[in-house]
Amino acid sequence: MPFYEQLKTNIQLLKDLLRRVLNALDTLQKKGIIHSDIKPENILLEFDGLQIASLKIIDFGSAFFYNKSYRMRMGTLEYLPPECLEYSSNILR
């Protein structure tokens, strides 16, 4: 059964997916990195049919360090983090 079909019926698989994504985001936050383009297409996972073997966040082309916001680059508008939208709106005022 495909991964997304299993997510509908296997709550443990869904919890594992969310835990892994949140752990990855927590790691980025602790390092002061804003990815700027987190979206489903930038989350790769390896699924062995029963469980998630690995999860990776990719495409750091729009990423920047939070304390160096002057280097901010925009990612996909619909997926921009709130802090980028706030920063952008403050600059344009």
N, C-alpha and C. Protein backbone atom coordinates (compact mmCIF):
# COMPACT_ATOMS: atom_id res chain seq x y z
N MET A 1 0.85 -1.18 0.00
CA MET A 1 0.00 0.00 0.00
C MET A 1 0.90 1.25 0.00
N PRO A 2 0.58 2.25 -0.83
CA PRO A 2 1.38 3.47 -0.89
C PRO A 2 1.41 4.21 0.46
N PHE A 3 2.48 4.96 0.64
CA PHE A 3 2.70 5.67 1.90
C PHE A 3 1.51 6.55 2.28
N TYR A 4 1.03 7.37 1.37
CA TYR A 4 -0.04 8.30 1.71
C TYR A 4 -1.35 7.58 2.04
N GLU A 5 -1.57 6.43 1.46
CA GLU A 5 -2.76 5.64 1.81
C GLU A 5 -2.61 5.10 3.23
N GLN A 6 -1.41 4.67 3.60
CA GLN A 6 -1.18 4.15 4.95
C GLN A 6 -1.32 5.25 6.00
N LEU A 7 -0.96 6.48 5.65
CA LEU A 7 -1.10 7.59 6.60
C LEU A 7 -2.56 7.77 7.04
N LYS A 8 -3.49 7.45 6.16
CA LYS A 8 -4.91 7.63 6.47
C LYS A 8 -5.39 6.66 7.55
N THR A 9 -4.76 5.49 7.63
CA THR A 9 -5.24 4.46 8.55
C THR A 9 -4.27 4.12 9.67
N ASN A 10 -3.01 4.52 9.54
CA ASN A 10 -2.00 4.16 10.53
C ASN A 10 -1.58 5.40 11.31
N ILE A 11 -2.20 5.62 12.45
CA ILE A 11 -1.94 6.82 13.25
C ILE A 11 -0.49 6.84 13.74
N GLN A 12 0.11 5.70 13.99
CA GLN A 12 1.50 5.66 14.45
C GLN A 12 2.44 6.15 13.34
N LEU A 13 2.15 5.82 12.11
CA LEU A 13 2.96 6.28 10.99
C LEU A 13 2.85 7.80 10.85
N LEU A 14 1.64 8.32 10.99
CA LEU A 14 1.44 9.77 10.95
C LEU A 14 2.19 10.45 12.07
N LYS A 15 2.12 9.90 13.27
CA LYS A 15 2.85 10.48 14.41
C LYS A 15 4.35 10.45 14.18
N ASP A 16 4.86 9.38 13.60
CA ASP A 16 6.29 9.27 13.31
C ASP A 16 6.71 10.33 12.28
N LEU A 17 5.89 10.51 11.24
CA LEU A 17 6.17 11.52 10.23
C LEU A 17 6.23 12.91 10.87
N LEU A 18 5.23 13.25 11.64
CA LEU A 18 5.19 14.57 12.28
C LEU A 18 6.36 14.75 13.25
N ARG A 19 6.68 13.72 14.02
CA ARG A 19 7.80 13.80 14.96
C ARG A 19 9.10 14.08 14.22
N ARG A 20 9.32 13.39 13.13
CA ARG A 20 10.56 13.56 12.36
C ARG A 20 10.64 14.95 11.73
N VAL A 21 9.54 15.43 11.17
CA VAL A 21 9.54 16.77 10.57
C VAL A 21 9.78 17.82 11.65
N LEU A 22 9.09 17.70 12.77
CA LEU A 22 9.26 18.67 13.85
C LEU A 22 10.66 18.62 14.45
N ASN A 23 11.25 17.44 14.56
CA ASN A 23 12.63 17.34 15.05
C ASN A 23 13.59 18.03 14.08
N ALA A 24 13.38 17.86 12.79
CA ALA A 24 14.23 18.52 11.80
C ALA A 24 14.09 20.03 11.89
N LEU A 25 12.87 20.52 12.02
CA LEU A 25 12.64 21.95 12.14
C LEU A 25 13.23 22.50 13.44
N ASP A 26 13.14 21.73 14.51
CA ASP A 26 13.73 22.13 15.78
C ASP A 26 15.25 22.26 15.66
N THR A 27 15.87 21.32 14.95
CA THR A 27 17.31 21.38 14.73
C THR A 27 17.69 22.64 13.96
N LEU A 28 16.94 22.96 12.92
CA LEU A 28 17.21 24.17 12.16
C LEU A 28 17.05 25.41 13.05
N GLN A 29 16.00 25.44 13.85
CA GLN A 29 15.75 26.59 14.72
C GLN A 29 16.89 26.76 15.72
N LYS A 30 17.37 25.68 16.29
CA LYS A 30 18.47 25.76 17.27
C LYS A 30 19.75 26.29 16.64
N LYS A 31 19.89 26.08 15.34
CA LYS A 31 21.08 26.57 14.63
C LYS A 31 20.85 27.96 14.02
N GLY A 32 19.65 28.53 14.25
CA GLY A 32 19.34 29.86 13.76
C GLY A 32 19.09 29.93 12.27
N ILE A 33 18.67 28.81 11.68
CA ILE A 33 18.45 28.75 10.24
C ILE A 33 16.96 28.86 9.92
N ILE A 34 16.63 29.75 9.01
CA ILE A 34 15.28 29.85 8.47
C ILE A 34 15.32 29.23 7.07
N HIS A 35 14.58 28.17 6.87
CA HIS A 35 14.61 27.46 5.59
C HIS A 35 13.98 28.30 4.48
N SER A 36 12.87 28.93 4.75
CA SER A 36 12.13 29.81 3.83
C SER A 36 11.33 29.10 2.75
N ASP A 37 11.43 27.81 2.63
CA ASP A 37 10.68 27.13 1.57
C ASP A 37 10.27 25.72 1.99
N ILE A 38 9.82 25.58 3.23
CA ILE A 38 9.33 24.27 3.68
C ILE A 38 7.97 24.02 3.01
N LYS A 39 7.91 22.95 2.28
CA LYS A 39 6.68 22.53 1.62
C LYS A 39 6.82 21.04 1.36
N PRO A 40 5.73 20.35 1.05
CA PRO A 40 5.80 18.90 0.85
C PRO A 40 6.87 18.46 -0.14
N GLU A 41 7.07 19.24 -1.19
CA GLU A 41 8.05 18.86 -2.22
C GLU A 41 9.50 18.89 -1.69
N ASN A 42 9.72 19.60 -0.58
CA ASN A 42 11.07 19.71 -0.03
C ASN A 42 11.29 18.81 1.19
N ILE A 43 10.39 17.89 1.39
CA ILE A 43 10.55 16.88 2.45
C ILE A 43 10.62 15.53 1.77
N LEU A 44 11.79 14.93 1.79
CA LEU A 44 11.98 13.62 1.18
C LEU A 44 11.99 12.56 2.28
N LEU A 45 11.30 11.48 2.00
CA LEU A 45 11.37 10.39 2.96
C LEU A 45 11.53 9.07 2.25
N GLU A 46 12.15 8.17 2.96
CA GLU A 46 12.32 6.81 2.47
C GLU A 46 11.40 5.93 3.31
N PHE A 47 10.52 5.21 2.63
CA PHE A 47 9.52 4.37 3.29
C PHE A 47 9.72 2.95 2.82
N ASP A 48 9.90 2.04 3.77
CA ASP A 48 10.19 0.65 3.41
C ASP A 48 8.93 -0.22 3.31
N GLY A 49 7.77 0.41 3.34
CA GLY A 49 6.52 -0.34 3.27
C GLY A 49 5.87 -0.52 4.62
N LEU A 50 6.65 -0.41 5.69
CA LEU A 50 6.14 -0.54 7.04
C LEU A 50 6.39 0.69 7.89
N GLN A 51 7.55 1.29 7.70
CA GLN A 51 7.92 2.44 8.52
C GLN A 51 8.79 3.40 7.72
N ILE A 52 8.94 4.60 8.26
CA ILE A 52 9.80 5.60 7.63
C ILE A 52 11.24 5.26 7.98
N ALA A 53 12.04 5.03 6.95
CA ALA A 53 13.45 4.69 7.17
C ALA A 53 14.28 5.95 7.37
N SER A 54 13.96 7.02 6.64
CA SER A 54 14.68 8.28 6.81
C SER A 54 13.82 9.43 6.29
N LEU A 55 14.12 10.61 6.79
CA LEU A 55 13.44 11.82 6.36
C LEU A 55 14.48 12.91 6.22
N LYS A 56 14.43 13.64 5.11
CA LYS A 56 15.38 14.72 4.86
C LYS A 56 14.65 15.95 4.37
N ILE A 57 15.10 17.10 4.83
CA ILE A 57 14.60 18.36 4.31
C ILE A 57 15.64 18.84 3.30
N ILE A 58 15.16 19.22 2.12
CA ILE A 58 16.06 19.61 1.04
C ILE A 58 15.77 21.04 0.59
N ASP A 59 16.54 21.51 -0.37
CA ASP A 59 16.39 22.81 -1.03
C ASP A 59 16.59 23.97 -0.06
N PHE A 60 17.84 24.19 0.30
CA PHE A 60 18.19 25.29 1.19
C PHE A 60 18.61 26.54 0.41
N GLY A 61 18.19 26.63 -0.84
CA GLY A 61 18.55 27.77 -1.68
C GLY A 61 18.02 29.09 -1.18
N SER A 62 16.91 29.08 -0.47
CA SER A 62 16.33 30.31 0.07
C SER A 62 16.60 30.47 1.56
N ALA A 63 17.35 29.56 2.13
CA ALA A 63 17.61 29.58 3.58
C ALA A 63 18.54 30.73 3.95
N PHE A 64 18.40 31.17 5.20
CA PHE A 64 19.28 32.20 5.72
C PHE A 64 19.37 32.05 7.23
N PHE A 65 20.38 32.68 7.81
CA PHE A 65 20.51 32.68 9.26
C PHE A 65 19.65 33.81 9.82
N TYR A 66 18.90 33.50 10.85
CA TYR A 66 17.95 34.45 11.44
C TYR A 66 18.64 35.75 11.87
N ASN A 67 19.84 35.66 12.43
CA ASN A 67 20.53 36.87 12.91
C ASN A 67 21.16 37.66 11.77
N LYS A 68 21.04 37.18 10.55
CA LYS A 68 21.54 37.90 9.38
C LYS A 68 20.40 38.09 8.39
N SER A 69 19.30 38.64 8.89
CA SER A 69 18.09 38.74 8.08
C SER A 69 18.25 39.63 6.87
N TYR A 70 19.28 40.47 6.85
CA TYR A 70 19.51 41.30 5.67
C TYR A 70 19.85 40.44 4.46
N ARG A 71 20.17 39.18 4.68
CA ARG A 71 20.50 38.28 3.57
C ARG A 71 19.29 37.42 3.19
N MET A 72 18.13 37.75 3.71
CA MET A 72 16.94 36.96 3.47
C MET A 72 16.61 36.90 1.99
N ARG A 73 16.28 35.71 1.54
CA ARG A 73 15.78 35.51 0.18
C ARG A 73 14.41 34.87 0.29
N MET A 74 13.58 35.14 -0.64
CA MET A 74 12.22 34.63 -0.58
C MET A 74 12.12 33.25 -1.21
N GLY A 75 11.25 32.45 -0.63
CA GLY A 75 10.95 31.13 -1.17
C GLY A 75 9.57 31.18 -1.81
N THR A 76 8.89 30.07 -1.77
CA THR A 76 7.53 29.99 -2.31
C THR A 76 6.60 30.79 -1.41
N LEU A 77 5.91 31.78 -1.95
CA LEU A 77 5.11 32.71 -1.15
C LEU A 77 4.14 32.00 -0.21
N GLU A 78 3.45 30.99 -0.71
CA GLU A 78 2.45 30.30 0.11
C GLU A 78 3.05 29.58 1.31
N TYR A 79 4.35 29.31 1.28
CA TYR A 79 5.00 28.56 2.35
C TYR A 79 5.99 29.38 3.17
N LEU A 80 6.01 30.70 2.95
CA LEU A 80 6.95 31.53 3.70
C LEU A 80 6.63 31.50 5.19
N PRO A 81 7.65 31.46 6.03
CA PRO A 81 7.40 31.49 7.47
C PRO A 81 6.90 32.88 7.88
N PRO A 82 6.11 32.94 8.94
CA PRO A 82 5.55 34.23 9.38
C PRO A 82 6.62 35.29 9.63
N GLU A 83 7.77 34.90 10.15
CA GLU A 83 8.80 35.90 10.45
C GLU A 83 9.32 36.57 9.17
N CYS A 84 9.33 35.86 8.06
CA CYS A 84 9.75 36.46 6.78
C CYS A 84 8.69 37.45 6.29
N LEU A 85 7.44 37.07 6.40
CA LEU A 85 6.37 37.97 5.98
C LEU A 85 6.36 39.23 6.83
N GLU A 86 6.56 39.07 8.14
CA GLU A 86 6.60 40.23 9.03
C GLU A 86 7.79 41.12 8.69
N TYR A 87 8.95 40.53 8.49
CA TYR A 87 10.15 41.28 8.16
C TYR A 87 9.95 42.05 6.85
N SER A 88 9.39 41.38 5.86
CA SER A 88 9.16 42.01 4.56
C SER A 88 8.18 43.19 4.68
N SER A 89 7.13 43.00 5.44
CA SER A 89 6.13 44.07 5.58
C SER A 89 6.71 45.26 6.32
N ASN A 90 7.63 45.02 7.27
CA ASN A 90 8.26 46.13 7.99
C ASN A 90 9.19 46.93 7.09
N ILE A 91 9.87 46.26 6.17
CA ILE A 91 10.78 46.93 5.24
C ILE A 91 10.00 47.82 4.28
N LEU A 92 8.84 47.36 3.85
CA LEU A 92 8.07 48.07 2.83
C LEU A 92 7.29 49.25 3.40
N ARG A 93 7.24 49.41 4.71
CA ARG A 93 6.47 50.50 5.31
C ARG A 93 7.22 51.81 5.22
